[in-house]
Amino acid sequence: MNPGDLASTLVVFLEDRHGKALVRLPNGSKTSLPHESLDLVEAWEHLPEHVSRDDLTSGPVRERFRRSARVHSDPLLSTLAEAMAHLVAAVDTSTDAEASPDAASRWFEYPAYLFDRLDAEDRHRLADLFRDAAMKEPEGTWRNALLEVPDGFGLAEDEG
């Protein structure tokens, strides 16, 4: 290995800390990394039963669970995704008097249909854009509501 070569290591995500991922390194120490540097993100319980460390660093298991590399989106796409995330979160956190559940369901039916028609890579990319919008907000209930938007549209579901 030479200086400048790319290297990877398995880390365990602990929590979001001020917009960065706090992770535990293999030696037990902790560090924070930009979220985009984590390219294999999956809950341990969703991985196949007998997964070795080698499976996660190369081969078909890695390819199945590897996130697509984030493409730097253009400002228009990011802005539209951020606006949509805030709109959805505002409706989702409204009282029944402010927005009836039936009306909210009708409002999001067509966007959900359109999102469902996207291929898996674009669905994950849109989910990432929604999460990016959430991470711009301070920790708290509003950020949490924004973080639920991708799941609300089923964007993070495994295509299996």
N, C-alpha and C. Protein backbone atom coordinates (compact mmCIF):
# COMPACT_ATOMS: atom_id res chain seq x y z
N MET A 1 0.85 -1.17 0.00
CA MET A 1 0.00 0.00 0.00
C MET A 1 0.89 1.24 0.00
N ASN A 2 0.47 2.20 -0.77
CA ASN A 2 1.23 3.44 -0.90
C ASN A 2 0.40 4.63 -0.44
N PRO A 3 1.07 5.70 -0.01
CA PRO A 3 0.31 6.90 0.35
C PRO A 3 -0.57 7.33 -0.83
N GLY A 4 -1.80 7.66 -0.54
CA GLY A 4 -2.73 8.08 -1.59
C GLY A 4 -3.61 6.96 -2.09
N ASP A 5 -3.27 5.67 -1.75
CA ASP A 5 -4.11 4.56 -2.15
C ASP A 5 -5.41 4.60 -1.34
N LEU A 6 -6.49 4.16 -1.97
CA LEU A 6 -7.76 4.07 -1.27
C LEU A 6 -7.73 2.87 -0.34
N ALA A 7 -8.32 3.02 0.81
CA ALA A 7 -8.40 1.94 1.78
C ALA A 7 -9.81 1.93 2.36
N SER A 8 -10.23 0.76 2.82
CA SER A 8 -11.53 0.70 3.49
C SER A 8 -11.40 -0.14 4.74
N THR A 9 -12.27 0.12 5.67
CA THR A 9 -12.31 -0.65 6.91
C THR A 9 -13.76 -0.69 7.38
N LEU A 10 -14.09 -1.71 8.11
CA LEU A 10 -15.43 -1.82 8.66
C LEU A 10 -15.52 -1.00 9.93
N VAL A 11 -16.57 -0.22 10.01
CA VAL A 11 -16.84 0.56 11.21
C VAL A 11 -18.29 0.32 11.61
N VAL A 12 -18.60 0.61 12.85
CA VAL A 12 -19.97 0.49 13.34
C VAL A 12 -20.49 1.89 13.60
N PHE A 13 -21.59 2.23 12.94
CA PHE A 13 -22.20 3.55 13.13
C PHE A 13 -22.80 3.61 14.53
N LEU A 14 -22.51 4.66 15.26
CA LEU A 14 -23.04 4.83 16.61
C LEU A 14 -24.16 5.86 16.65
N GLU A 15 -23.94 7.02 16.05
CA GLU A 15 -24.96 8.07 16.06
C GLU A 15 -24.54 9.20 15.15
N ASP A 16 -25.51 10.06 14.86
CA ASP A 16 -25.20 11.27 14.13
C ASP A 16 -24.70 12.29 15.14
N ARG A 17 -23.61 12.92 14.82
CA ARG A 17 -23.05 13.92 15.72
C ARG A 17 -22.77 15.17 14.90
N HIS A 18 -23.66 16.16 15.03
CA HIS A 18 -23.49 17.44 14.34
C HIS A 18 -23.32 17.26 12.83
N GLY A 19 -24.16 16.40 12.24
CA GLY A 19 -24.12 16.21 10.80
C GLY A 19 -23.05 15.25 10.30
N LYS A 20 -22.33 14.61 11.20
CA LYS A 20 -21.33 13.62 10.82
C LYS A 20 -21.66 12.30 11.50
N ALA A 21 -21.15 11.23 10.95
CA ALA A 21 -21.37 9.90 11.52
C ALA A 21 -20.31 9.61 12.58
N LEU A 22 -20.77 9.36 13.81
CA LEU A 22 -19.85 8.92 14.86
C LEU A 22 -19.77 7.41 14.73
N VAL A 23 -18.55 6.88 14.54
CA VAL A 23 -18.37 5.44 14.30
C VAL A 23 -17.33 4.87 15.25
N ARG A 24 -17.46 3.55 15.48
CA ARG A 24 -16.45 2.82 16.26
C ARG A 24 -15.55 2.09 15.26
N LEU A 25 -14.26 2.30 15.40
CA LEU A 25 -13.26 1.66 14.54
C LEU A 25 -12.96 0.25 15.05
N PRO A 26 -12.34 -0.59 14.22
CA PRO A 26 -12.04 -1.95 14.65
C PRO A 26 -11.19 -2.05 15.91
N ASN A 27 -10.36 -1.04 16.16
CA ASN A 27 -9.53 -1.07 17.38
C ASN A 27 -10.28 -0.60 18.62
N GLY A 28 -11.58 -0.24 18.47
CA GLY A 28 -12.40 0.17 19.60
C GLY A 28 -12.49 1.67 19.79
N SER A 29 -11.63 2.43 19.12
CA SER A 29 -11.71 3.88 19.27
C SER A 29 -12.88 4.43 18.44
N LYS A 30 -13.23 5.67 18.69
CA LYS A 30 -14.31 6.32 17.98
C LYS A 30 -13.76 7.48 17.18
N THR A 31 -14.43 7.77 16.07
CA THR A 31 -14.11 8.95 15.26
C THR A 31 -15.36 9.38 14.53
N SER A 32 -15.34 10.58 13.99
CA SER A 32 -16.48 11.02 13.19
C SER A 32 -16.04 11.15 11.74
N LEU A 33 -16.96 10.80 10.86
CA LEU A 33 -16.69 10.80 9.41
C LEU A 33 -17.87 11.45 8.70
N PRO A 34 -17.65 12.00 7.51
CA PRO A 34 -18.79 12.47 6.73
C PRO A 34 -19.68 11.27 6.38
N HIS A 35 -21.00 11.45 6.40
CA HIS A 35 -21.92 10.35 6.09
C HIS A 35 -21.62 9.75 4.72
N GLU A 36 -21.25 10.58 3.75
CA GLU A 36 -21.02 10.06 2.40
C GLU A 36 -19.82 9.13 2.30
N SER A 37 -18.96 9.10 3.32
CA SER A 37 -17.82 8.19 3.28
C SER A 37 -18.21 6.76 3.67
N LEU A 38 -19.42 6.59 4.18
CA LEU A 38 -19.90 5.26 4.55
C LEU A 38 -20.62 4.66 3.35
N ASP A 39 -19.97 3.74 2.66
CA ASP A 39 -20.58 3.24 1.42
C ASP A 39 -21.30 1.91 1.58
N LEU A 40 -21.17 1.25 2.69
CA LEU A 40 -21.89 0.00 2.96
C LEU A 40 -22.68 0.23 4.24
N VAL A 41 -23.94 0.54 4.08
CA VAL A 41 -24.75 0.88 5.24
C VAL A 41 -25.91 -0.09 5.31
N GLU A 42 -25.90 -0.92 6.34
CA GLU A 42 -26.98 -1.89 6.51
C GLU A 42 -27.04 -2.29 7.97
N ALA A 43 -28.24 -2.45 8.46
CA ALA A 43 -28.41 -2.93 9.84
C ALA A 43 -27.92 -4.38 9.89
N TRP A 44 -27.19 -4.70 10.93
CA TRP A 44 -26.59 -6.03 11.07
C TRP A 44 -27.64 -7.13 10.91
N GLU A 45 -28.83 -6.92 11.49
CA GLU A 45 -29.86 -7.96 11.44
C GLU A 45 -30.40 -8.19 10.03
N HIS A 46 -30.13 -7.29 9.09
CA HIS A 46 -30.59 -7.48 7.71
C HIS A 46 -29.58 -8.21 6.84
N LEU A 47 -28.40 -8.44 7.38
CA LEU A 47 -27.38 -9.16 6.62
C LEU A 47 -27.65 -10.66 6.70
N PRO A 48 -27.17 -11.44 5.72
CA PRO A 48 -27.31 -12.90 5.80
C PRO A 48 -26.69 -13.43 7.09
N GLU A 49 -27.18 -14.57 7.56
CA GLU A 49 -26.75 -15.11 8.85
C GLU A 49 -25.24 -15.31 8.98
N HIS A 50 -24.65 -15.94 8.01
CA HIS A 50 -23.22 -16.27 8.11
C HIS A 50 -22.42 -15.35 7.19
N VAL A 51 -22.09 -14.19 7.69
CA VAL A 51 -21.34 -13.22 6.92
C VAL A 51 -19.99 -13.03 7.58
N SER A 52 -18.96 -13.23 6.79
CA SER A 52 -17.62 -13.02 7.32
C SER A 52 -17.17 -11.60 7.03
N ARG A 53 -16.13 -11.21 7.71
CA ARG A 53 -15.55 -9.89 7.46
C ARG A 53 -15.12 -9.78 5.99
N ASP A 54 -14.59 -10.86 5.42
CA ASP A 54 -14.18 -10.85 4.01
C ASP A 54 -15.37 -10.63 3.09
N ASP A 55 -16.54 -11.22 3.43
CA ASP A 55 -17.74 -11.03 2.62
C ASP A 55 -18.13 -9.56 2.55
N LEU A 56 -17.90 -8.84 3.64
CA LEU A 56 -18.30 -7.44 3.68
C LEU A 56 -17.30 -6.51 3.02
N THR A 57 -16.10 -6.98 2.78
CA THR A 57 -15.10 -6.13 2.14
C THR A 57 -14.93 -6.42 0.66
N SER A 58 -15.50 -7.53 0.18
CA SER A 58 -15.45 -7.84 -1.25
C SER A 58 -16.52 -8.88 -1.55
N GLY A 59 -16.76 -9.09 -2.82
CA GLY A 59 -17.68 -10.15 -3.21
C GLY A 59 -19.14 -9.75 -3.27
N PRO A 60 -20.00 -10.76 -3.50
CA PRO A 60 -21.42 -10.49 -3.76
C PRO A 60 -22.18 -9.87 -2.59
N VAL A 61 -21.82 -10.20 -1.36
CA VAL A 61 -22.53 -9.62 -0.22
C VAL A 61 -22.28 -8.12 -0.20
N ARG A 62 -21.04 -7.73 -0.39
CA ARG A 62 -20.72 -6.30 -0.41
C ARG A 62 -21.48 -5.61 -1.53
N GLU A 63 -21.48 -6.18 -2.72
CA GLU A 63 -22.15 -5.53 -3.84
C GLU A 63 -23.65 -5.42 -3.62
N ARG A 64 -24.25 -6.40 -2.96
CA ARG A 64 -25.68 -6.36 -2.70
C ARG A 64 -26.05 -5.23 -1.76
N PHE A 65 -25.22 -4.97 -0.77
CA PHE A 65 -25.56 -3.99 0.26
C PHE A 65 -24.86 -2.65 0.09
N ARG A 66 -23.96 -2.54 -0.86
CA ARG A 66 -23.22 -1.29 -1.04
C ARG A 66 -24.13 -0.19 -1.54
N ARG A 67 -24.03 0.98 -0.92
CA ARG A 67 -24.77 2.13 -1.40
C ARG A 67 -24.13 2.63 -2.67
N SER A 68 -24.94 3.13 -3.55
CA SER A 68 -24.40 3.76 -4.75
C SER A 68 -23.60 4.99 -4.32
N ALA A 69 -22.54 5.24 -5.05
CA ALA A 69 -21.77 6.44 -4.73
C ALA A 69 -22.66 7.65 -4.95
N ARG A 70 -22.61 8.55 -4.02
CA ARG A 70 -23.43 9.74 -4.16
C ARG A 70 -22.91 10.59 -5.29
N VAL A 71 -23.80 10.95 -6.13
CA VAL A 71 -23.46 11.86 -7.20
C VAL A 71 -23.81 13.25 -6.69
N HIS A 72 -22.90 14.17 -6.85
CA HIS A 72 -23.22 15.51 -6.41
C HIS A 72 -24.39 16.00 -7.24
N SER A 73 -25.49 16.26 -6.57
CA SER A 73 -26.68 16.65 -7.30
C SER A 73 -26.61 18.13 -7.64
N ASP A 74 -27.39 18.47 -8.64
CA ASP A 74 -27.42 19.88 -8.99
C ASP A 74 -28.30 20.61 -7.98
N PRO A 75 -28.11 21.91 -7.85
CA PRO A 75 -28.85 22.69 -6.85
C PRO A 75 -30.37 22.60 -7.02
N LEU A 76 -30.86 22.52 -8.25
CA LEU A 76 -32.30 22.45 -8.46
C LEU A 76 -32.87 21.16 -7.87
N LEU A 77 -32.21 20.03 -8.13
CA LEU A 77 -32.68 18.75 -7.61
C LEU A 77 -32.64 18.73 -6.08
N SER A 78 -31.56 19.22 -5.52
CA SER A 78 -31.45 19.27 -4.05
C SER A 78 -32.52 20.16 -3.45
N THR A 79 -32.77 21.30 -4.07
CA THR A 79 -33.77 22.24 -3.58
C THR A 79 -35.17 21.63 -3.65
N LEU A 80 -35.48 20.97 -4.76
CA LEU A 80 -36.79 20.34 -4.90
C LEU A 80 -36.98 19.23 -3.87
N ALA A 81 -35.95 18.42 -3.66
CA ALA A 81 -36.04 17.35 -2.66
C ALA A 81 -36.20 17.93 -1.26
N GLU A 82 -35.45 18.98 -0.96
CA GLU A 82 -35.56 19.61 0.36
C GLU A 82 -36.95 20.20 0.56
N ALA A 83 -37.48 20.87 -0.46
CA ALA A 83 -38.83 21.44 -0.36
C ALA A 83 -39.87 20.34 -0.15
N MET A 84 -39.74 19.24 -0.89
CA MET A 84 -40.69 18.12 -0.76
C MET A 84 -40.60 17.51 0.64
N ALA A 85 -39.39 17.33 1.14
CA ALA A 85 -39.21 16.75 2.48
C ALA A 85 -39.87 17.62 3.53
N HIS A 86 -39.69 18.93 3.44
CA HIS A 86 -40.28 19.84 4.42
C HIS A 86 -41.80 19.85 4.31
N LEU A 87 -42.32 19.80 3.09
CA LEU A 87 -43.77 19.76 2.90
C LEU A 87 -44.36 18.49 3.51
N VAL A 88 -43.75 17.36 3.22
CA VAL A 88 -44.23 16.08 3.74
C VAL A 88 -44.17 16.07 5.27
N ALA A 89 -43.05 16.53 5.82
CA ALA A 89 -42.92 16.54 7.28
C ALA A 89 -43.94 17.49 7.91
N ALA A 90 -44.20 18.62 7.27
CA ALA A 90 -45.19 19.56 7.81
C ALA A 90 -46.57 18.93 7.84
N VAL A 91 -46.92 18.22 6.79
CA VAL A 91 -48.23 17.55 6.75
C VAL A 91 -48.28 16.42 7.77
N ASP A 92 -47.20 15.62 7.81
CA ASP A 92 -47.16 14.48 8.73
C ASP A 92 -47.23 14.90 10.20
N THR A 93 -46.72 16.08 10.53
CA THR A 93 -46.72 16.53 11.92
C THR A 93 -47.91 17.42 12.24
N SER A 94 -48.79 17.62 11.26
CA SER A 94 -49.99 18.44 11.48
C SER A 94 -51.01 17.68 12.33
N THR A 95 -51.84 18.44 12.99
CA THR A 95 -52.95 17.82 13.72
C THR A 95 -54.03 17.42 12.72
N ASP A 96 -54.95 16.58 13.14
CA ASP A 96 -56.05 16.16 12.26
C ASP A 96 -56.89 17.36 11.82
N ALA A 97 -56.99 18.37 12.68
CA ALA A 97 -57.76 19.57 12.33
C ALA A 97 -57.05 20.38 11.24
N GLU A 98 -55.72 20.37 11.26
CA GLU A 98 -54.95 21.12 10.26
C GLU A 98 -54.93 20.41 8.91
N ALA A 99 -54.79 19.10 8.93
CA ALA A 99 -54.75 18.30 7.70
C ALA A 99 -55.26 16.91 8.03
N SER A 100 -56.43 16.59 7.53
CA SER A 100 -57.01 15.29 7.84
C SER A 100 -56.14 14.17 7.27
N PRO A 101 -56.05 13.04 7.97
CA PRO A 101 -55.25 11.92 7.46
C PRO A 101 -55.71 11.46 6.08
N ASP A 102 -57.01 11.49 5.80
CA ASP A 102 -57.51 11.10 4.48
C ASP A 102 -57.00 12.04 3.39
N ALA A 103 -57.05 13.34 3.69
CA ALA A 103 -56.57 14.32 2.72
C ALA A 103 -55.07 14.14 2.49
N ALA A 104 -54.31 14.00 3.57
CA ALA A 104 -52.86 13.83 3.45
C ALA A 104 -52.53 12.59 2.63
N SER A 105 -53.27 11.53 2.85
CA SER A 105 -53.06 10.31 2.08
C SER A 105 -53.28 10.56 0.59
N ARG A 106 -54.34 11.28 0.27
CA ARG A 106 -54.62 11.61 -1.14
C ARG A 106 -53.53 12.49 -1.72
N TRP A 107 -53.04 13.46 -0.96
CA TRP A 107 -52.01 14.37 -1.45
C TRP A 107 -50.72 13.64 -1.82
N PHE A 108 -50.38 12.62 -1.05
CA PHE A 108 -49.10 11.94 -1.27
C PHE A 108 -49.23 10.68 -2.11
N GLU A 109 -50.43 10.34 -2.52
CA GLU A 109 -50.64 9.13 -3.31
C GLU A 109 -49.89 9.19 -4.65
N TYR A 110 -50.02 10.28 -5.37
CA TYR A 110 -49.37 10.37 -6.67
C TYR A 110 -47.85 10.49 -6.56
N PRO A 111 -47.31 11.33 -5.66
CA PRO A 111 -45.85 11.32 -5.50
C PRO A 111 -45.33 9.92 -5.14
N ALA A 112 -46.04 9.21 -4.26
CA ALA A 112 -45.60 7.85 -3.89
C ALA A 112 -45.59 6.94 -5.11
N TYR A 113 -46.60 7.07 -5.95
CA TYR A 113 -46.68 6.28 -7.19
C TYR A 113 -45.47 6.59 -8.09
N LEU A 114 -45.18 7.87 -8.25
CA LEU A 114 -44.04 8.25 -9.10
C LEU A 114 -42.73 7.74 -8.52
N PHE A 115 -42.54 7.89 -7.21
CA PHE A 115 -41.30 7.43 -6.59
C PHE A 115 -41.16 5.92 -6.72
N ASP A 116 -42.27 5.21 -6.62
CA ASP A 116 -42.25 3.75 -6.73
C ASP A 116 -41.82 3.30 -8.11
N ARG A 117 -42.03 4.12 -9.11
CA ARG A 117 -41.65 3.77 -10.49
C ARG A 117 -40.16 3.97 -10.76
N LEU A 118 -39.46 4.66 -9.86
CA LEU A 118 -38.02 4.88 -10.04
C LEU A 118 -37.27 3.57 -9.87
N ASP A 119 -36.12 3.45 -10.55
CA ASP A 119 -35.31 2.26 -10.32
C ASP A 119 -34.66 2.36 -8.94
N ALA A 120 -34.11 1.26 -8.46
CA ALA A 120 -33.58 1.19 -7.10
C ALA A 120 -32.51 2.26 -6.84
N GLU A 121 -31.64 2.48 -7.80
CA GLU A 121 -30.57 3.46 -7.61
C GLU A 121 -31.14 4.87 -7.42
N ASP A 122 -32.13 5.24 -8.22
CA ASP A 122 -32.72 6.57 -8.09
C ASP A 122 -33.55 6.70 -6.81
N ARG A 123 -34.18 5.61 -6.40
CA ARG A 123 -34.94 5.63 -5.13
C ARG A 123 -33.98 5.88 -3.96
N HIS A 124 -32.83 5.21 -3.98
CA HIS A 124 -31.84 5.41 -2.92
C HIS A 124 -31.25 6.82 -2.99
N ARG A 125 -31.04 7.30 -4.20
CA ARG A 125 -30.51 8.66 -4.37
C ARG A 125 -31.50 9.69 -3.83
N LEU A 126 -32.80 9.50 -4.12
CA LEU A 126 -33.80 10.42 -3.60
C LEU A 126 -33.87 10.33 -2.07
N ALA A 127 -33.79 9.12 -1.54
CA ALA A 127 -33.77 8.96 -0.08
C ALA A 127 -32.58 9.70 0.51
N ASP A 128 -31.42 9.62 -0.14
CA ASP A 128 -30.23 10.35 0.33
C ASP A 128 -30.47 11.86 0.30
N LEU A 129 -31.12 12.36 -0.75
CA LEU A 129 -31.41 13.79 -0.83
C LEU A 129 -32.35 14.23 0.29
N PHE A 130 -33.36 13.40 0.59
CA PHE A 130 -34.26 13.70 1.71
C PHE A 130 -33.48 13.72 3.03
N ARG A 131 -32.60 12.72 3.22
CA ARG A 131 -31.81 12.67 4.45
C ARG A 131 -30.85 13.87 4.54
N ASP A 132 -30.27 14.25 3.40
CA ASP A 132 -29.39 15.43 3.39
C ASP A 132 -30.14 16.67 3.86
N ALA A 133 -31.40 16.80 3.42
CA ALA A 133 -32.23 17.94 3.85
C ALA A 133 -32.43 17.88 5.35
N ALA A 134 -32.67 16.71 5.87
CA ALA A 134 -32.89 16.55 7.31
C ALA A 134 -31.63 16.93 8.09
N MET A 135 -30.48 16.55 7.58
CA MET A 135 -29.24 16.78 8.32
C MET A 135 -28.85 18.26 8.37
N LYS A 136 -29.52 19.09 7.58
CA LYS A 136 -29.27 20.54 7.65
C LYS A 136 -29.95 21.16 8.86
N GLU A 137 -30.88 20.42 9.46
CA GLU A 137 -31.64 20.92 10.59
C GLU A 137 -30.96 20.54 11.90
N PRO A 138 -31.13 21.34 12.95
CA PRO A 138 -30.56 20.96 14.24
C PRO A 138 -31.24 19.70 14.78
N GLU A 139 -30.53 18.97 15.63
CA GLU A 139 -31.11 17.76 16.22
C GLU A 139 -32.41 18.13 16.92
N GLY A 140 -33.39 17.23 16.81
CA GLY A 140 -34.67 17.48 17.47
C GLY A 140 -35.81 16.86 16.70
N THR A 141 -37.02 17.22 17.09
CA THR A 141 -38.21 16.59 16.52
C THR A 141 -38.39 16.91 15.04
N TRP A 142 -38.05 18.12 14.62
CA TRP A 142 -38.22 18.45 13.21
C TRP A 142 -37.26 17.64 12.34
N ARG A 143 -36.00 17.53 12.76
CA ARG A 143 -35.05 16.71 12.00
C ARG A 143 -35.54 15.27 11.96
N ASN A 144 -36.04 14.78 13.09
CA ASN A 144 -36.54 13.40 13.14
C ASN A 144 -37.71 13.21 12.18
N ALA A 145 -38.59 14.19 12.10
CA ALA A 145 -39.72 14.10 11.16
C ALA A 145 -39.20 14.06 9.72
N LEU A 146 -38.21 14.88 9.42
CA LEU A 146 -37.63 14.87 8.07
C LEU A 146 -36.93 13.54 7.77
N LEU A 147 -36.29 12.95 8.77
CA LEU A 147 -35.60 11.68 8.56
C LEU A 147 -36.57 10.53 8.27
N GLU A 148 -37.85 10.70 8.63
CA GLU A 148 -38.85 9.66 8.39
C GLU A 148 -39.42 9.72 6.97
N VAL A 149 -39.16 10.80 6.24
CA VAL A 149 -39.75 10.97 4.91
C VAL A 149 -39.36 9.83 3.95
N PRO A 150 -38.08 9.43 3.84
CA PRO A 150 -37.78 8.35 2.91
C PRO A 150 -38.52 7.05 3.23
N ASP A 151 -38.62 6.71 4.51
CA ASP A 151 -39.33 5.49 4.90
C ASP A 151 -40.83 5.62 4.61
N GLY A 152 -41.38 6.81 4.79
CA GLY A 152 -42.80 7.03 4.52
C GLY A 152 -43.15 6.75 3.07
N PHE A 153 -42.21 6.97 2.18
CA PHE A 153 -42.44 6.69 0.76
C PHE A 153 -41.87 5.33 0.36
N GLY A 154 -41.32 4.59 1.31
CA GLY A 154 -40.77 3.27 1.00
C GLY A 154 -39.51 3.31 0.16
N LEU A 155 -38.79 4.42 0.23
CA LEU A 155 -37.60 4.57 -0.63
C LEU A 155 -36.42 3.75 -0.14
N ALA A 156 -36.37 3.43 1.11
CA ALA A 156 -35.22 2.71 1.66
C ALA A 156 -35.46 1.21 1.69
N GLU A 157 -36.64 0.75 1.23
CA GLU A 157 -36.94 -0.67 1.28
C GLU A 157 -36.03 -1.44 0.33
N ASP A 158 -35.61 -2.61 0.75
CA ASP A 158 -34.75 -3.47 -0.06
C ASP A 158 -35.56 -4.02 -1.22
N GLU A 159 -35.02 -3.94 -2.40
CA GLU A 159 -35.70 -4.45 -3.59
C GLU A 159 -35.69 -5.96 -3.66
N GLY A 160 -34.75 -6.60 -2.88
CA GLY A 160 -34.64 -8.05 -2.79
C GLY A 160 -34.91 -8.71 -4.02
